[in-house]
Amino acid sequence: MTTNTNALPTVTIDLVLDRRSTTEVLSAVLHAILFHRLFGTVKPTTFQVQDITIPGVDDADTKQLVDEKVHAFWRAMEGGPSKRGQIIVTFAEKRARKGWFYMGEEEVPWEQWIVNAEIRQPKSEQDRVSFNADLASSLTKALQTMLTHISSETGRKAVPLITSSTGISPFPFKVLVKVNGAEVG
């Protein structure tokens, strides 16, 4: 975990994927992040990826959002020369904003998760066995990173006071896909 200059806790997860596993792994990782940070009434589900059980959110809107962002990532990877990209999940809170000419609410970020993904292809069946073992290890490490962060003092302090308990999340969140530094999808 790293923290930027604005004191916004940022959790980074690095993954090396192959063409076969990209959408499945990214969907599961995004679901796991959301599972740990939505705080509303969440119906749990699980994903089995590389013999690892990953928690997720069983919600149609969340599934649609995750699918859209993962497919945007995949299309950008398939259509461009780069085989590296990011999916960034930012959680915010709504705060009253008062100014000379403006009164209303603004979204103030309180935490960001960055999933760095690189696509590589194993060159042989022996490489595939090693690649799959490395991917399983990376997924295990990603889950450990999530659990370590959310249970840490920094992770707990980042969460604003929950004042509303309606819906799946009391906080707005955004999922952004970047390939070659440019937003896609």
N, C-alpha and C. Protein backbone atom coordinates (compact mmCIF):
# COMPACT_ATOMS: atom_id res chain seq x y z
N MET A 1 0.84 -1.18 0.00
CA MET A 1 0.00 0.00 0.00
C MET A 1 0.88 1.24 0.00
N THR A 2 0.46 2.23 -0.76
CA THR A 2 1.16 3.50 -0.79
C THR A 2 0.18 4.62 -0.49
N THR A 3 0.70 5.73 -0.09
CA THR A 3 -0.14 6.89 0.17
C THR A 3 0.41 8.04 -0.64
N ASN A 4 -0.48 8.76 -1.35
CA ASN A 4 0.00 9.88 -2.15
C ASN A 4 0.05 11.14 -1.29
N THR A 5 0.44 12.25 -1.91
CA THR A 5 0.65 13.48 -1.17
C THR A 5 -0.63 14.06 -0.60
N ASN A 6 -1.80 13.72 -1.10
CA ASN A 6 -3.06 14.22 -0.57
C ASN A 6 -3.56 13.39 0.60
N ALA A 7 -2.76 12.48 1.10
CA ALA A 7 -3.11 11.61 2.22
C ALA A 7 -4.31 10.71 1.88
N LEU A 8 -4.51 10.46 0.61
CA LEU A 8 -5.56 9.55 0.16
C LEU A 8 -4.97 8.14 0.17
N PRO A 9 -5.44 7.26 1.05
CA PRO A 9 -4.89 5.90 1.04
C PRO A 9 -5.09 5.25 -0.34
N THR A 10 -4.01 4.71 -0.87
CA THR A 10 -4.05 4.07 -2.18
C THR A 10 -3.49 2.66 -2.03
N VAL A 11 -4.29 1.70 -2.46
CA VAL A 11 -3.89 0.30 -2.40
C VAL A 11 -3.60 -0.15 -3.84
N THR A 12 -2.43 -0.72 -4.05
CA THR A 12 -2.02 -1.14 -5.39
C THR A 12 -1.92 -2.65 -5.46
N ILE A 13 -2.50 -3.20 -6.52
CA ILE A 13 -2.46 -4.63 -6.77
C ILE A 13 -1.87 -4.83 -8.16
N ASP A 14 -0.81 -5.62 -8.25
CA ASP A 14 -0.15 -5.88 -9.54
C ASP A 14 -0.44 -7.29 -9.98
N LEU A 15 -0.89 -7.43 -11.23
CA LEU A 15 -1.22 -8.74 -11.79
C LEU A 15 -0.60 -8.91 -13.17
N VAL A 16 -0.10 -10.10 -13.44
CA VAL A 16 0.34 -10.48 -14.78
C VAL A 16 -0.61 -11.58 -15.22
N LEU A 17 -1.31 -11.32 -16.33
CA LEU A 17 -2.37 -12.20 -16.80
C LEU A 17 -2.07 -12.72 -18.19
N ASP A 18 -2.73 -13.80 -18.56
CA ASP A 18 -2.67 -14.26 -19.94
C ASP A 18 -4.03 -13.99 -20.59
N ARG A 19 -4.10 -14.17 -21.88
CA ARG A 19 -5.34 -13.87 -22.61
C ARG A 19 -6.53 -14.67 -22.08
N ARG A 20 -6.28 -15.90 -21.69
CA ARG A 20 -7.37 -16.77 -21.21
C ARG A 20 -7.97 -16.31 -19.89
N SER A 21 -7.13 -15.76 -19.02
CA SER A 21 -7.58 -15.48 -17.65
C SER A 21 -7.92 -14.02 -17.38
N THR A 22 -7.65 -13.13 -18.31
CA THR A 22 -7.76 -11.69 -18.04
C THR A 22 -9.13 -11.28 -17.51
N THR A 23 -10.19 -11.58 -18.24
CA THR A 23 -11.51 -11.09 -17.81
C THR A 23 -11.96 -11.75 -16.52
N GLU A 24 -11.71 -13.04 -16.38
CA GLU A 24 -12.12 -13.76 -15.18
C GLU A 24 -11.40 -13.23 -13.94
N VAL A 25 -10.10 -13.03 -14.03
CA VAL A 25 -9.32 -12.57 -12.89
C VAL A 25 -9.68 -11.13 -12.53
N LEU A 26 -9.74 -10.25 -13.53
CA LEU A 26 -10.05 -8.85 -13.23
C LEU A 26 -11.45 -8.70 -12.64
N SER A 27 -12.42 -9.46 -13.16
CA SER A 27 -13.77 -9.41 -12.58
C SER A 27 -13.75 -9.83 -11.12
N ALA A 28 -13.06 -10.92 -10.83
CA ALA A 28 -13.01 -11.42 -9.45
C ALA A 28 -12.32 -10.42 -8.52
N VAL A 29 -11.22 -9.82 -8.97
CA VAL A 29 -10.49 -8.86 -8.12
C VAL A 29 -11.34 -7.61 -7.87
N LEU A 30 -12.00 -7.10 -8.90
CA LEU A 30 -12.87 -5.93 -8.70
C LEU A 30 -14.02 -6.25 -7.76
N HIS A 31 -14.62 -7.41 -7.93
CA HIS A 31 -15.70 -7.83 -7.02
C HIS A 31 -15.18 -7.92 -5.58
N ALA A 32 -13.97 -8.43 -5.39
CA ALA A 32 -13.41 -8.55 -4.04
C ALA A 32 -13.20 -7.18 -3.41
N ILE A 33 -12.69 -6.23 -4.19
CA ILE A 33 -12.51 -4.87 -3.68
C ILE A 33 -13.86 -4.30 -3.25
N LEU A 34 -14.84 -4.43 -4.12
CA LEU A 34 -16.17 -3.89 -3.81
C LEU A 34 -16.79 -4.61 -2.62
N PHE A 35 -16.60 -5.91 -2.54
CA PHE A 35 -17.12 -6.68 -1.41
C PHE A 35 -16.62 -6.11 -0.08
N HIS A 36 -15.35 -5.74 -0.06
CA HIS A 36 -14.75 -5.26 1.18
C HIS A 36 -15.03 -3.79 1.47
N ARG A 37 -15.57 -3.04 0.50
CA ARG A 37 -15.71 -1.60 0.69
C ARG A 37 -17.12 -1.02 0.44
N LEU A 38 -18.11 -1.82 0.16
CA LEU A 38 -19.43 -1.25 -0.12
C LEU A 38 -20.21 -0.88 1.14
N PHE A 39 -20.12 -1.61 2.21
CA PHE A 39 -20.69 -1.30 3.51
C PHE A 39 -22.22 -1.28 3.58
N GLY A 40 -22.91 -1.47 2.48
CA GLY A 40 -24.37 -1.52 2.51
C GLY A 40 -24.82 -2.97 2.68
N THR A 41 -26.06 -3.21 2.30
CA THR A 41 -26.58 -4.57 2.36
C THR A 41 -26.05 -5.31 1.13
N VAL A 42 -25.06 -6.14 1.35
CA VAL A 42 -24.39 -6.86 0.26
C VAL A 42 -24.71 -8.34 0.36
N LYS A 43 -25.21 -8.88 -0.73
CA LYS A 43 -25.40 -10.33 -0.80
C LYS A 43 -24.09 -10.92 -1.32
N PRO A 44 -23.44 -11.76 -0.54
CA PRO A 44 -22.13 -12.28 -0.95
C PRO A 44 -22.24 -13.39 -2.00
N THR A 45 -21.19 -13.51 -2.76
CA THR A 45 -21.00 -14.62 -3.69
C THR A 45 -19.51 -14.92 -3.70
N THR A 46 -19.12 -15.96 -4.40
CA THR A 46 -17.70 -16.27 -4.52
C THR A 46 -17.35 -16.56 -5.97
N PHE A 47 -16.08 -16.38 -6.26
CA PHE A 47 -15.52 -16.69 -7.58
C PHE A 47 -14.39 -17.68 -7.36
N GLN A 48 -14.31 -18.68 -8.21
CA GLN A 48 -13.22 -19.65 -8.16
C GLN A 48 -12.27 -19.31 -9.31
N VAL A 49 -11.08 -18.86 -8.97
CA VAL A 49 -10.08 -18.51 -9.98
C VAL A 49 -8.76 -19.14 -9.56
N GLN A 50 -8.19 -19.94 -10.42
CA GLN A 50 -6.92 -20.62 -10.13
C GLN A 50 -6.98 -21.37 -8.81
N ASP A 51 -8.09 -22.05 -8.55
CA ASP A 51 -8.30 -22.81 -7.32
C ASP A 51 -8.28 -21.93 -6.06
N ILE A 52 -8.55 -20.64 -6.23
CA ILE A 52 -8.62 -19.72 -5.11
C ILE A 52 -10.04 -19.19 -5.04
N THR A 53 -10.61 -19.18 -3.84
CA THR A 53 -11.96 -18.66 -3.64
C THR A 53 -11.85 -17.17 -3.32
N ILE A 54 -12.53 -16.36 -4.13
CA ILE A 54 -12.47 -14.91 -3.99
C ILE A 54 -13.88 -14.40 -3.69
N PRO A 55 -14.03 -13.56 -2.65
CA PRO A 55 -15.36 -13.05 -2.33
C PRO A 55 -15.83 -12.03 -3.36
N GLY A 56 -17.14 -11.95 -3.51
CA GLY A 56 -17.69 -10.99 -4.44
C GLY A 56 -19.06 -10.52 -4.01
N VAL A 57 -19.66 -9.68 -4.84
CA VAL A 57 -20.95 -9.07 -4.56
C VAL A 57 -21.97 -9.63 -5.55
N ASP A 58 -23.05 -10.19 -5.03
CA ASP A 58 -24.11 -10.73 -5.86
C ASP A 58 -25.19 -9.66 -6.03
N ASP A 59 -24.95 -8.74 -6.97
CA ASP A 59 -25.85 -7.63 -7.23
C ASP A 59 -25.81 -7.35 -8.73
N ALA A 60 -26.97 -7.26 -9.37
CA ALA A 60 -27.04 -7.10 -10.82
C ALA A 60 -26.34 -5.83 -11.30
N ASP A 61 -26.55 -4.71 -10.62
CA ASP A 61 -25.92 -3.44 -11.04
C ASP A 61 -24.41 -3.49 -10.88
N THR A 62 -23.95 -4.07 -9.79
CA THR A 62 -22.51 -4.19 -9.56
C THR A 62 -21.89 -5.11 -10.60
N LYS A 63 -22.54 -6.22 -10.88
CA LYS A 63 -22.05 -7.15 -11.90
C LYS A 63 -21.97 -6.47 -13.25
N GLN A 64 -23.00 -5.70 -13.60
CA GLN A 64 -23.00 -5.00 -14.88
C GLN A 64 -21.86 -3.99 -14.96
N LEU A 65 -21.65 -3.21 -13.89
CA LEU A 65 -20.57 -2.23 -13.87
C LEU A 65 -19.22 -2.92 -14.03
N VAL A 66 -18.98 -3.96 -13.25
CA VAL A 66 -17.71 -4.69 -13.33
C VAL A 66 -17.52 -5.26 -14.73
N ASP A 67 -18.55 -5.89 -15.29
CA ASP A 67 -18.46 -6.46 -16.64
C ASP A 67 -18.13 -5.39 -17.67
N GLU A 68 -18.79 -4.23 -17.58
CA GLU A 68 -18.53 -3.14 -18.53
C GLU A 68 -17.09 -2.67 -18.46
N LYS A 69 -16.57 -2.48 -17.26
CA LYS A 69 -15.21 -1.97 -17.09
C LYS A 69 -14.17 -3.01 -17.51
N VAL A 70 -14.39 -4.27 -17.17
CA VAL A 70 -13.45 -5.32 -17.57
C VAL A 70 -13.45 -5.47 -19.09
N HIS A 71 -14.62 -5.41 -19.71
CA HIS A 71 -14.67 -5.53 -21.18
C HIS A 71 -14.06 -4.30 -21.86
N ALA A 72 -14.20 -3.12 -21.27
CA ALA A 72 -13.55 -1.93 -21.82
C ALA A 72 -12.02 -2.10 -21.76
N PHE A 73 -11.54 -2.64 -20.65
CA PHE A 73 -10.11 -2.92 -20.50
C PHE A 73 -9.66 -3.92 -21.58
N TRP A 74 -10.42 -4.99 -21.72
CA TRP A 74 -10.07 -6.03 -22.68
C TRP A 74 -10.05 -5.49 -24.12
N ARG A 75 -11.08 -4.71 -24.48
CA ARG A 75 -11.13 -4.14 -25.85
C ARG A 75 -9.93 -3.22 -26.10
N ALA A 76 -9.57 -2.42 -25.12
CA ALA A 76 -8.42 -1.52 -25.29
C ALA A 76 -7.12 -2.30 -25.43
N MET A 77 -7.02 -3.39 -24.70
CA MET A 77 -5.81 -4.23 -24.81
C MET A 77 -5.74 -4.93 -26.17
N GLU A 78 -6.88 -5.41 -26.62
CA GLU A 78 -6.92 -6.11 -27.90
C GLU A 78 -6.68 -5.18 -29.08
N GLY A 79 -7.14 -3.94 -28.94
CA GLY A 79 -7.07 -3.00 -30.06
C GLY A 79 -5.82 -2.15 -30.11
N GLY A 80 -4.97 -2.25 -29.13
CA GLY A 80 -3.81 -1.37 -29.10
C GLY A 80 -2.51 -2.13 -28.93
N PRO A 81 -1.41 -1.41 -29.06
CA PRO A 81 -0.10 -2.06 -28.94
C PRO A 81 0.29 -2.36 -27.49
N SER A 82 -0.29 -1.64 -26.55
CA SER A 82 0.08 -1.82 -25.15
C SER A 82 -0.54 -3.08 -24.58
N LYS A 83 0.16 -3.70 -23.72
CA LYS A 83 -0.37 -4.87 -23.01
C LYS A 83 -0.35 -4.61 -21.51
N ARG A 84 -0.40 -3.31 -21.14
CA ARG A 84 -0.46 -2.89 -19.74
C ARG A 84 -1.56 -1.86 -19.57
N GLY A 85 -2.23 -1.95 -18.43
CA GLY A 85 -3.27 -0.98 -18.14
C GLY A 85 -3.60 -0.98 -16.67
N GLN A 86 -4.57 -0.14 -16.32
CA GLN A 86 -4.99 -0.02 -14.93
C GLN A 86 -6.50 0.04 -14.85
N ILE A 87 -7.01 -0.49 -13.76
CA ILE A 87 -8.40 -0.25 -13.39
C ILE A 87 -8.33 0.37 -12.01
N ILE A 88 -8.93 1.56 -11.89
CA ILE A 88 -8.84 2.34 -10.67
C ILE A 88 -10.23 2.47 -10.05
N VAL A 89 -10.35 2.06 -8.79
CA VAL A 89 -11.61 2.17 -8.06
C VAL A 89 -11.41 3.25 -7.00
N THR A 90 -12.24 4.29 -7.06
CA THR A 90 -12.14 5.39 -6.11
C THR A 90 -13.43 5.49 -5.31
N PHE A 91 -13.30 5.49 -4.00
CA PHE A 91 -14.44 5.64 -3.10
C PHE A 91 -14.44 7.07 -2.59
N ALA A 92 -15.63 7.66 -2.49
CA ALA A 92 -15.76 9.05 -2.07
C ALA A 92 -16.89 9.17 -1.06
N GLU A 93 -16.98 10.34 -0.48
CA GLU A 93 -18.12 10.67 0.36
C GLU A 93 -18.69 11.98 -0.14
N LYS A 94 -19.97 12.17 0.07
CA LYS A 94 -20.61 13.42 -0.31
C LYS A 94 -20.55 14.37 0.88
N ARG A 95 -20.05 15.56 0.60
CA ARG A 95 -19.96 16.58 1.64
C ARG A 95 -20.66 17.85 1.15
N ALA A 96 -21.20 18.57 2.09
CA ALA A 96 -21.83 19.85 1.74
C ALA A 96 -20.75 20.81 1.27
N ARG A 97 -21.06 21.50 0.20
CA ARG A 97 -20.12 22.48 -0.34
C ARG A 97 -20.83 23.82 -0.39
N LYS A 98 -20.20 24.79 0.23
CA LYS A 98 -20.78 26.12 0.24
C LYS A 98 -19.76 27.09 -0.31
N GLY A 99 -20.22 27.95 -1.15
CA GLY A 99 -19.35 28.97 -1.73
C GLY A 99 -20.16 30.21 -2.02
N TRP A 100 -19.52 31.18 -2.63
CA TRP A 100 -20.20 32.42 -2.95
C TRP A 100 -21.38 32.20 -3.89
N PHE A 101 -21.16 31.38 -4.90
CA PHE A 101 -22.20 31.21 -5.91
C PHE A 101 -22.72 29.78 -6.01
N TYR A 102 -22.24 28.93 -5.13
CA TYR A 102 -22.60 27.52 -5.26
C TYR A 102 -22.89 26.93 -3.90
N MET A 103 -24.00 26.24 -3.81
CA MET A 103 -24.30 25.47 -2.61
C MET A 103 -24.77 24.10 -3.08
N GLY A 104 -24.30 23.08 -2.48
CA GLY A 104 -24.68 21.74 -2.88
C GLY A 104 -23.73 20.74 -2.29
N GLU A 105 -23.59 19.62 -2.97
CA GLU A 105 -22.71 18.56 -2.49
C GLU A 105 -21.56 18.35 -3.46
N GLU A 106 -20.45 17.92 -2.91
CA GLU A 106 -19.32 17.53 -3.72
C GLU A 106 -18.85 16.15 -3.25
N GLU A 107 -18.24 15.42 -4.16
CA GLU A 107 -17.69 14.11 -3.82
C GLU A 107 -16.21 14.27 -3.48
N VAL A 108 -15.86 13.84 -2.29
CA VAL A 108 -14.48 13.94 -1.81
C VAL A 108 -13.93 12.53 -1.66
N PRO A 109 -12.92 12.16 -2.46
CA PRO A 109 -12.36 10.80 -2.37
C PRO A 109 -11.76 10.51 -1.01
N TRP A 110 -11.96 9.28 -0.54
CA TRP A 110 -11.34 8.87 0.72
C TRP A 110 -10.44 7.64 0.58
N GLU A 111 -10.51 6.95 -0.57
CA GLU A 111 -9.64 5.79 -0.77
C GLU A 111 -9.62 5.43 -2.24
N GLN A 112 -8.47 4.92 -2.67
CA GLN A 112 -8.33 4.52 -4.08
C GLN A 112 -7.61 3.17 -4.15
N TRP A 113 -8.11 2.33 -5.07
CA TRP A 113 -7.51 1.03 -5.32
C TRP A 113 -7.06 1.02 -6.78
N ILE A 114 -5.80 0.67 -7.02
CA ILE A 114 -5.27 0.63 -8.38
C ILE A 114 -4.87 -0.81 -8.69
N VAL A 115 -5.51 -1.36 -9.72
CA VAL A 115 -5.17 -2.70 -10.19
C VAL A 115 -4.35 -2.52 -11.46
N ASN A 116 -3.05 -2.79 -11.37
CA ASN A 116 -2.17 -2.74 -12.53
C ASN A 116 -2.18 -4.13 -13.16
N ALA A 117 -2.48 -4.17 -14.45
CA ALA A 117 -2.55 -5.48 -15.12
C ALA A 117 -1.70 -5.46 -16.38
N GLU A 118 -0.97 -6.52 -16.55
CA GLU A 118 -0.15 -6.71 -17.75
C GLU A 118 -0.53 -8.06 -18.35
N ILE A 119 -0.66 -8.08 -19.68
CA ILE A 119 -1.00 -9.33 -20.36
C ILE A 119 0.25 -9.88 -21.02
N ARG A 120 0.55 -11.13 -20.70
CA ARG A 120 1.67 -11.86 -21.31
C ARG A 120 1.17 -13.23 -21.71
N GLN A 121 1.79 -13.80 -22.68
CA GLN A 121 1.42 -15.15 -23.12
C GLN A 121 2.53 -16.14 -22.82
N PRO A 122 2.20 -17.23 -22.12
CA PRO A 122 3.20 -18.30 -21.94
C PRO A 122 3.57 -18.88 -23.30
N LYS A 123 4.84 -19.19 -23.48
CA LYS A 123 5.32 -19.66 -24.78
C LYS A 123 5.21 -21.17 -24.96
N SER A 124 5.12 -21.90 -23.87
CA SER A 124 5.04 -23.36 -23.97
C SER A 124 4.13 -23.88 -22.85
N GLU A 125 3.84 -25.15 -22.89
CA GLU A 125 3.00 -25.75 -21.85
C GLU A 125 3.72 -25.71 -20.49
N GLN A 126 5.03 -25.88 -20.51
CA GLN A 126 5.80 -25.79 -19.26
C GLN A 126 5.73 -24.36 -18.72
N ASP A 127 5.82 -23.37 -19.62
CA ASP A 127 5.68 -21.98 -19.19
C ASP A 127 4.29 -21.73 -18.61
N ARG A 128 3.27 -22.38 -19.19
CA ARG A 128 1.90 -22.19 -18.71
C ARG A 128 1.75 -22.67 -17.27
N VAL A 129 2.35 -23.81 -16.95
CA VAL A 129 2.28 -24.34 -15.58
C VAL A 129 2.91 -23.34 -14.61
N SER A 130 4.07 -22.83 -14.95
CA SER A 130 4.75 -21.84 -14.11
C SER A 130 3.94 -20.55 -14.04
N PHE A 131 3.39 -20.12 -15.18
CA PHE A 131 2.58 -18.90 -15.25
C PHE A 131 1.36 -19.02 -14.35
N ASN A 132 0.66 -20.15 -14.42
CA ASN A 132 -0.54 -20.36 -13.59
C ASN A 132 -0.19 -20.37 -12.10
N ALA A 133 0.95 -20.94 -11.75
CA ALA A 133 1.37 -20.95 -10.35
C ALA A 133 1.67 -19.52 -9.89
N ASP A 134 2.33 -18.74 -10.75
CA ASP A 134 2.62 -17.34 -10.41
C ASP A 134 1.33 -16.53 -10.29
N LEU A 135 0.36 -16.78 -11.16
CA LEU A 135 -0.91 -16.07 -11.10
C LEU A 135 -1.66 -16.41 -9.81
N ALA A 136 -1.68 -17.68 -9.44
CA ALA A 136 -2.32 -18.08 -8.18
C ALA A 136 -1.65 -17.39 -7.00
N SER A 137 -0.33 -17.31 -7.03
CA SER A 137 0.41 -16.62 -5.97
C SER A 137 0.06 -15.13 -5.94
N SER A 138 -0.05 -14.51 -7.12
CA SER A 138 -0.41 -13.09 -7.20
C SER A 138 -1.82 -12.83 -6.67
N LEU A 139 -2.74 -13.74 -6.96
CA LEU A 139 -4.12 -13.59 -6.46
C LEU A 139 -4.16 -13.74 -4.94
N THR A 140 -3.41 -14.69 -4.43
CA THR A 140 -3.33 -14.86 -2.98
C THR A 140 -2.76 -13.60 -2.34
N LYS A 141 -1.71 -13.06 -2.94
CA LYS A 141 -1.09 -11.84 -2.42
C LYS A 141 -2.07 -10.67 -2.50
N ALA A 142 -2.85 -10.59 -3.59
CA ALA A 142 -3.84 -9.51 -3.73
C ALA A 142 -4.87 -9.59 -2.62
N LEU A 143 -5.36 -10.79 -2.33
CA LEU A 143 -6.33 -10.96 -1.24
C LEU A 143 -5.72 -10.60 0.11
N GLN A 144 -4.46 -10.99 0.32
CA GLN A 144 -3.79 -10.64 1.57
C GLN A 144 -3.62 -9.13 1.69
N THR A 145 -3.30 -8.47 0.58
CA THR A 145 -3.17 -7.01 0.56
C THR A 145 -4.49 -6.36 0.94
N MET A 146 -5.59 -6.85 0.35
CA MET A 146 -6.91 -6.31 0.66
C MET A 146 -7.22 -6.46 2.14
N LEU A 147 -7.06 -7.67 2.66
CA LEU A 147 -7.39 -7.93 4.06
C LEU A 147 -6.49 -7.16 5.02
N THR A 148 -5.21 -7.07 4.69
CA THR A 148 -4.28 -6.32 5.54
C THR A 148 -4.68 -4.86 5.56
N HIS A 149 -5.02 -4.29 4.40
CA HIS A 149 -5.38 -2.88 4.35
C HIS A 149 -6.68 -2.60 5.11
N ILE A 150 -7.72 -3.36 4.82
CA ILE A 150 -9.02 -3.03 5.43
C ILE A 150 -9.02 -3.25 6.94
N SER A 151 -8.13 -4.11 7.44
CA SER A 151 -8.08 -4.34 8.88
C SER A 151 -7.03 -3.46 9.57
N SER A 152 -6.27 -2.70 8.79
CA SER A 152 -5.24 -1.83 9.38
C SER A 152 -5.88 -0.55 9.92
N GLU A 153 -5.14 0.14 10.75
CA GLU A 153 -5.63 1.41 11.28
C GLU A 153 -5.86 2.41 10.15
N THR A 154 -4.95 2.45 9.19
CA THR A 154 -5.11 3.35 8.03
C THR A 154 -6.37 3.01 7.26
N GLY A 155 -6.61 1.74 7.03
CA GLY A 155 -7.79 1.31 6.29
C GLY A 155 -9.08 1.60 7.02
N ARG A 156 -9.07 1.44 8.33
CA ARG A 156 -10.27 1.72 9.12
C ARG A 156 -10.51 3.22 9.23
N LYS A 157 -9.45 4.00 9.43
CA LYS A 157 -9.59 5.45 9.57
C LYS A 157 -10.02 6.13 8.27
N ALA A 158 -9.71 5.51 7.13
CA ALA A 158 -10.06 6.10 5.84
C ALA A 158 -11.56 6.17 5.63
N VAL A 159 -12.29 5.24 6.22
CA VAL A 159 -13.73 5.16 6.00
C VAL A 159 -14.44 6.28 6.75
N PRO A 160 -15.18 7.12 6.03
CA PRO A 160 -15.92 8.19 6.69
C PRO A 160 -17.08 7.64 7.53
N LEU A 161 -17.64 8.50 8.34
CA LEU A 161 -18.80 8.14 9.14
C LEU A 161 -19.95 7.75 8.21
N ILE A 162 -20.55 6.62 8.47
CA ILE A 162 -21.67 6.15 7.64
C ILE A 162 -22.95 6.76 8.20
N THR A 163 -23.58 7.63 7.41
CA THR A 163 -24.79 8.33 7.86
C THR A 163 -26.04 7.85 7.17
N SER A 164 -25.90 7.01 6.16
CA SER A 164 -27.05 6.48 5.43
C SER A 164 -26.84 4.99 5.23
N SER A 165 -27.89 4.22 5.41
CA SER A 165 -27.72 2.78 5.25
C SER A 165 -28.62 2.22 4.15
N THR A 166 -29.01 3.07 3.22
CA THR A 166 -29.86 2.60 2.13
C THR A 166 -28.99 2.16 0.95
N GLY A 167 -29.42 1.10 0.29
CA GLY A 167 -28.71 0.63 -0.89
C GLY A 167 -27.49 -0.20 -0.58
N ILE A 168 -26.75 -0.48 -1.63
CA ILE A 168 -25.60 -1.36 -1.52
C ILE A 168 -24.37 -0.62 -0.98
N SER A 169 -24.34 0.71 -1.15
CA SER A 169 -23.20 1.47 -0.65
C SER A 169 -23.64 2.84 -0.17
N PRO A 170 -23.21 3.22 1.03
CA PRO A 170 -23.51 4.56 1.50
C PRO A 170 -22.61 5.62 0.86
N PHE A 171 -21.62 5.17 0.10
CA PHE A 171 -20.65 6.07 -0.52
C PHE A 171 -20.64 5.90 -2.04
N PRO A 172 -20.53 7.01 -2.76
CA PRO A 172 -20.37 6.88 -4.21
C PRO A 172 -18.98 6.32 -4.53
N PHE A 173 -18.89 5.59 -5.62
CA PHE A 173 -17.59 5.09 -6.06
C PHE A 173 -17.55 5.11 -7.58
N LYS A 174 -16.33 5.20 -8.10
CA LYS A 174 -16.13 5.22 -9.55
C LYS A 174 -15.10 4.18 -9.91
N VAL A 175 -15.29 3.60 -11.09
CA VAL A 175 -14.33 2.64 -11.63
C VAL A 175 -13.85 3.21 -12.95
N LEU A 176 -12.56 3.43 -13.07
CA LEU A 176 -11.95 4.06 -14.24
C LEU A 176 -10.96 3.07 -14.86
N VAL A 177 -10.99 2.97 -16.19
CA VAL A 177 -10.07 2.09 -16.91
C VAL A 177 -9.10 2.95 -17.69
N LYS A 178 -7.80 2.67 -17.54
CA LYS A 178 -6.77 3.41 -18.27
C LYS A 178 -5.84 2.43 -18.98
N VAL A 179 -5.58 2.74 -20.25
CA VAL A 179 -4.59 1.99 -21.03
C VAL A 179 -3.73 3.05 -21.72
N ASN A 180 -2.42 2.92 -21.61
CA ASN A 180 -1.49 3.92 -22.14
C ASN A 180 -1.74 5.29 -21.54
N GLY A 181 -2.16 5.34 -20.29
CA GLY A 181 -2.38 6.60 -19.60
C GLY A 181 -3.66 7.33 -19.97
N ALA A 182 -4.43 6.77 -20.92
CA ALA A 182 -5.66 7.42 -21.36
C ALA A 182 -6.87 6.61 -20.86
N GLU A 183 -7.92 7.34 -20.48
CA GLU A 183 -9.13 6.68 -20.02
C GLU A 183 -9.84 6.03 -21.21
N VAL A 184 -10.33 4.83 -20.99
CA VAL A 184 -11.10 4.12 -22.03
C VAL A 184 -12.43 3.66 -21.46
N GLY A 185 -13.37 3.42 -22.36
CA GLY A 185 -14.62 2.77 -22.07
C GLY A 185 -15.59 3.42 -21.23
